[in-house]
Amino acid sequence: MGQAHLKIGITGGIGAGKTTVCKIFEQLGVPVYYADVRAKELMHEQDDLKKKIRQAFGWDAYDKKEELNRPYLAKIVFNDPRQLSILNQIVHPAVFDDYNRWVTEQSKSGIPYSVKEAALLIESGSYKQLDKIIVITCPIDLRIERIMKRDHLRREEVLKRMENQLSDRERLDHADCVIRNGSNNSLILQVMELHRSFLKEAEQVSQSIDS
């Protein structure tokens, strides 16, 4: 029997609650690929990536221990959309290849679907390789409050970071499903509903493969 494997993407603005939603999927036994976390790991692990980053941003992009100099890089890219775009052009292809390897493993193990979580899922174009896109929305004031608390940032700094991202309206143009993360919405119930529908869809695709 052929087993279908659906590739589901999750995205949303900074502070929308992507990680929280992904943790619920994980509780349901769904494998999650955290693209932003993996990008940071690859920037530590891959010599080719280190070389490209140093060529673009200078030797100080890494310290003497060959660790990524995050404050140095953040100062450059968060204040300059052009520099941020250069960094993304270097890192995204490496994450793209890494995800493809990962999702092939998930598919081989017979899992009906997996999730890829990424802040720049739309901007990077990687949404095109996925079967379904979930967009998480959340009231802006709630997001700002969350990020200020989580990252110890001032309101102006949070707004600056938000400027570098798409608006919810632009993300929703690509959405197949929407999760609303507000004070009156149950994330667990919304995730459970999507989980059931993805399992059902994977089963239907598997049956069509066999027929």
Protein backbone atom coordinates (compact mmCIF):
# COMPACT_ATOMS: atom_id res chain seq x y z
CA MET A 1 0.00 0.00 0.00
CA GLY A 2 1.37 3.46 -0.97
CA GLN A 3 1.53 5.88 1.94
CA ALA A 4 0.94 9.56 1.20
CA HIS A 5 2.89 12.14 3.13
CA LEU A 6 1.47 15.66 3.32
CA LYS A 7 3.86 18.58 3.80
CA ILE A 8 2.19 21.25 5.94
CA GLY A 9 3.65 24.72 6.45
CA ILE A 10 3.04 26.98 9.45
CA THR A 11 3.83 30.67 9.44
CA GLY A 12 2.75 33.92 11.07
CA GLY A 13 4.20 37.21 12.20
CA ILE A 14 6.71 37.53 15.01
CA GLY A 15 4.91 36.82 18.32
CA ALA A 16 1.86 35.22 16.65
CA GLY A 17 2.34 31.94 18.55
CA LYS A 18 3.92 29.65 15.95
CA THR A 19 5.98 27.68 18.48
CA THR A 20 2.98 27.15 20.78
CA VAL A 21 0.89 25.79 17.91
CA CYS A 22 3.76 23.52 16.79
CA LYS A 23 4.14 22.12 20.32
CA ILE A 24 0.47 21.06 20.20
CA PHE A 25 1.09 19.27 16.88
CA GLU A 26 4.11 17.55 18.48
CA GLN A 27 1.93 16.38 21.37
CA LEU A 28 -0.23 14.68 18.74
CA GLY A 29 2.84 12.82 17.45
CA VAL A 30 3.40 15.02 14.40
CA PRO A 31 7.07 15.70 13.49
CA VAL A 32 7.89 19.42 13.24
CA TYR A 33 10.79 20.98 11.34
CA TYR A 34 11.68 24.35 12.91
CA ALA A 35 13.27 26.18 9.98
CA ASP A 36 14.51 29.20 11.96
CA VAL A 37 16.12 27.04 14.67
CA ARG A 38 17.64 24.78 12.02
CA ALA A 39 18.99 27.82 10.12
CA LYS A 40 20.94 28.88 13.23
CA GLU A 41 22.31 25.34 13.64
CA LEU A 42 23.39 25.18 10.00
CA MET A 43 25.14 28.55 10.36
CA HIS A 44 27.23 26.89 13.10
CA GLU A 45 27.73 23.53 11.40
CA GLN A 46 28.38 24.20 7.72
CA ASP A 47 31.81 25.54 6.79
CA ASP A 48 30.58 26.60 3.35
CA LEU A 49 27.83 28.69 4.96
CA LYS A 50 30.29 30.27 7.42
CA LYS A 51 32.56 31.23 4.55
CA LYS A 52 29.72 32.90 2.61
CA ILE A 53 28.50 34.79 5.71
CA ARG A 54 32.03 36.05 6.45
CA GLN A 55 32.46 37.15 2.83
CA ALA A 56 29.20 39.11 3.00
CA PHE A 57 29.41 40.57 6.52
CA GLY A 58 33.08 40.51 7.52
CA TRP A 59 35.34 38.30 9.60
CA ASP A 60 33.64 39.43 12.84
CA ALA A 61 30.45 37.55 11.88
CA TYR A 62 32.03 34.66 13.86
CA ASP A 63 34.08 34.89 17.06
CA LYS A 64 37.40 33.19 17.90
CA LYS A 65 35.58 30.00 18.89
CA GLU A 66 33.90 29.95 15.46
CA GLU A 67 30.56 30.73 17.11
CA LEU A 68 28.13 32.98 15.24
CA ASN A 69 28.43 36.56 16.54
CA ARG A 70 24.69 37.10 16.82
CA PRO A 71 24.66 40.67 18.26
CA TYR A 72 27.07 41.83 15.54
CA LEU A 73 24.99 40.29 12.75
CA ALA A 74 21.65 41.42 14.25
CA LYS A 75 22.89 45.03 14.39
CA ILE A 76 23.67 44.89 10.66
CA VAL A 77 20.60 43.09 9.31
CA PHE A 78 17.74 44.33 11.50
CA ASN A 79 18.36 47.95 10.55
CA ASP A 80 18.91 47.36 6.86
CA PRO A 81 16.39 45.38 4.75
CA ARG A 82 19.00 45.08 1.97
CA GLN A 83 21.51 43.38 4.29
CA LEU A 84 18.76 41.14 5.71
CA SER A 85 17.90 40.09 2.17
CA ILE A 86 21.58 39.19 1.50
CA LEU A 87 21.69 37.03 4.66
CA ASN A 88 18.44 35.28 3.69
CA GLN A 89 19.76 34.59 0.17
CA ILE A 90 22.76 32.84 1.72
CA VAL A 91 20.91 30.85 4.41
CA HIS A 92 17.60 29.90 2.73
CA PRO A 93 19.05 27.50 0.10
CA ALA A 94 20.89 25.57 2.84
CA VAL A 95 17.69 25.28 4.90
CA PHE A 96 15.76 24.29 1.76
CA ASP A 97 18.14 21.35 1.13
CA ASP A 98 18.19 20.36 4.79
CA TYR A 99 14.37 20.31 4.95
CA ASN A 100 14.16 18.17 1.83
CA ARG A 101 16.43 15.57 3.43
CA TRP A 102 14.41 15.69 6.66
CA VAL A 103 10.98 15.39 5.00
CA THR A 104 12.17 12.44 2.88
CA GLU A 105 13.02 10.62 6.13
CA GLN A 106 9.58 11.39 7.58
CA SER A 107 7.90 10.15 4.42
CA LYS A 108 9.91 6.90 4.42
CA SER A 109 8.86 6.18 8.00
CA GLY A 110 5.19 6.10 6.98
CA ILE A 111 4.07 9.21 8.89
CA PRO A 112 0.90 10.70 7.26
CA TYR A 113 2.04 14.32 7.52
CA SER A 114 4.70 16.59 8.96
CA VAL A 115 4.91 20.30 9.69
CA LYS A 116 7.47 22.92 8.66
CA GLU A 117 7.46 26.06 10.81
CA ALA A 118 9.11 29.19 9.41
CA ALA A 119 8.70 32.93 9.92
CA LEU A 120 9.64 33.63 6.29
CA LEU A 121 7.79 30.73 4.68
CA ILE A 122 6.14 33.03 2.11
CA GLU A 123 9.04 35.47 1.60
CA SER A 124 11.58 32.70 0.98
CA GLY A 125 9.33 31.02 -1.61
CA SER A 126 9.63 27.71 0.26
CA TYR A 127 5.83 27.57 0.67
CA LYS A 128 5.70 26.45 -3.00
CA GLN A 129 7.08 23.01 -2.09
CA LEU A 130 4.37 22.40 0.52
CA ASP A 131 0.87 20.92 0.21
CA LYS A 132 -0.95 23.17 2.68
CA ILE A 133 -0.15 26.45 4.43
CA ILE A 134 -1.45 27.37 7.89
CA VAL A 135 -1.27 31.05 8.79
CA ILE A 136 -1.51 32.01 12.47
CA THR A 137 -3.02 35.42 13.17
CA CYS A 138 -2.97 37.30 16.45
CA PRO A 139 -3.98 40.84 17.50
CA ILE A 140 -1.00 43.16 17.04
CA ASP A 141 -1.03 44.57 20.60
CA LEU A 142 -0.90 41.06 22.03
CA ARG A 143 2.03 40.21 19.73
CA ILE A 144 3.98 43.35 20.71
CA GLU A 145 3.41 42.68 24.41
CA ARG A 146 4.55 39.05 24.02
CA ILE A 147 7.77 39.88 22.15
CA MET A 148 8.70 42.72 24.52
CA LYS A 149 8.41 40.28 27.43
CA ARG A 150 10.06 37.32 25.65
CA ASP A 151 13.01 39.11 24.01
CA HIS A 152 13.39 42.01 26.50
CA LEU A 153 12.92 44.56 23.74
CA ARG A 154 11.49 48.07 23.68
CA ARG A 155 8.25 48.67 21.76
CA GLU A 156 10.12 50.59 19.02
CA GLU A 157 12.52 47.67 18.52
CA VAL A 158 9.63 45.23 18.16
CA LEU A 159 7.90 47.47 15.60
CA LYS A 160 11.19 47.72 13.67
CA ARG A 161 11.35 43.91 13.43
CA MET A 162 7.72 43.72 12.37
CA GLU A 163 8.44 46.15 9.53
CA ASN A 164 10.79 43.56 8.02
CA GLN A 165 7.98 41.01 7.75
CA LEU A 166 4.90 40.66 5.59
CA SER A 167 1.56 41.81 6.96
CA ASP A 168 -1.08 39.27 8.00
CA ARG A 169 -3.14 40.32 4.99
CA GLU A 170 -0.28 39.39 2.62
CA ARG A 171 0.25 36.05 4.38
CA LEU A 172 -3.45 35.22 4.28
CA ASP A 173 -3.35 35.44 0.47
CA HIS A 174 -1.36 32.18 0.59
CA ALA A 175 -3.28 30.49 3.43
CA ASP A 176 -5.16 27.21 3.06
CA CYS A 177 -6.03 27.21 6.79
CA VAL A 178 -6.06 29.93 9.45
CA ILE A 179 -5.49 29.56 13.20
CA ARG A 180 -6.68 32.54 15.23
CA ASN A 181 -4.60 33.05 18.35
CA GLY A 182 -6.55 35.50 20.47
CA SER A 183 -7.86 35.52 24.02
CA ASN A 184 -11.20 33.99 22.92
CA ASN A 185 -9.82 31.23 20.69
CA SER A 186 -8.81 27.74 21.79
CA LEU A 187 -5.59 26.79 20.02
CA ILE A 188 -5.94 23.13 21.02
CA LEU A 189 -9.40 22.78 19.47
CA GLN A 190 -8.27 24.49 16.25
CA VAL A 191 -5.18 22.28 15.97
CA MET A 192 -7.20 19.11 16.71
CA GLU A 193 -9.64 19.97 13.92
CA LEU A 194 -6.80 20.49 11.43
CA HIS A 195 -5.05 17.32 12.61
CA ARG A 196 -8.15 15.24 11.86
CA SER A 197 -8.58 16.82 8.42
CA PHE A 198 -4.89 16.26 7.49
CA LEU A 199 -5.05 12.59 8.55
CA LYS A 200 -8.22 12.14 6.51
CA GLU A 201 -6.69 13.83 3.46
CA ALA A 202 -3.49 11.75 3.69
CA GLU A 203 -5.62 8.60 3.86
CA GLN A 204 -7.64 9.63 0.80
CA VAL A 205 -4.46 10.37 -1.16
CA SER A 206 -3.02 6.99 -0.13
CA GLN A 207 -6.16 5.22 -1.37
CA SER A 208 -5.97 7.04 -4.71
CA ILE A 209 -2.31 5.96 -5.04
CA ASP A 210 -3.37 2.33 -4.56
CA SER A 211 -6.39 2.40 -6.83
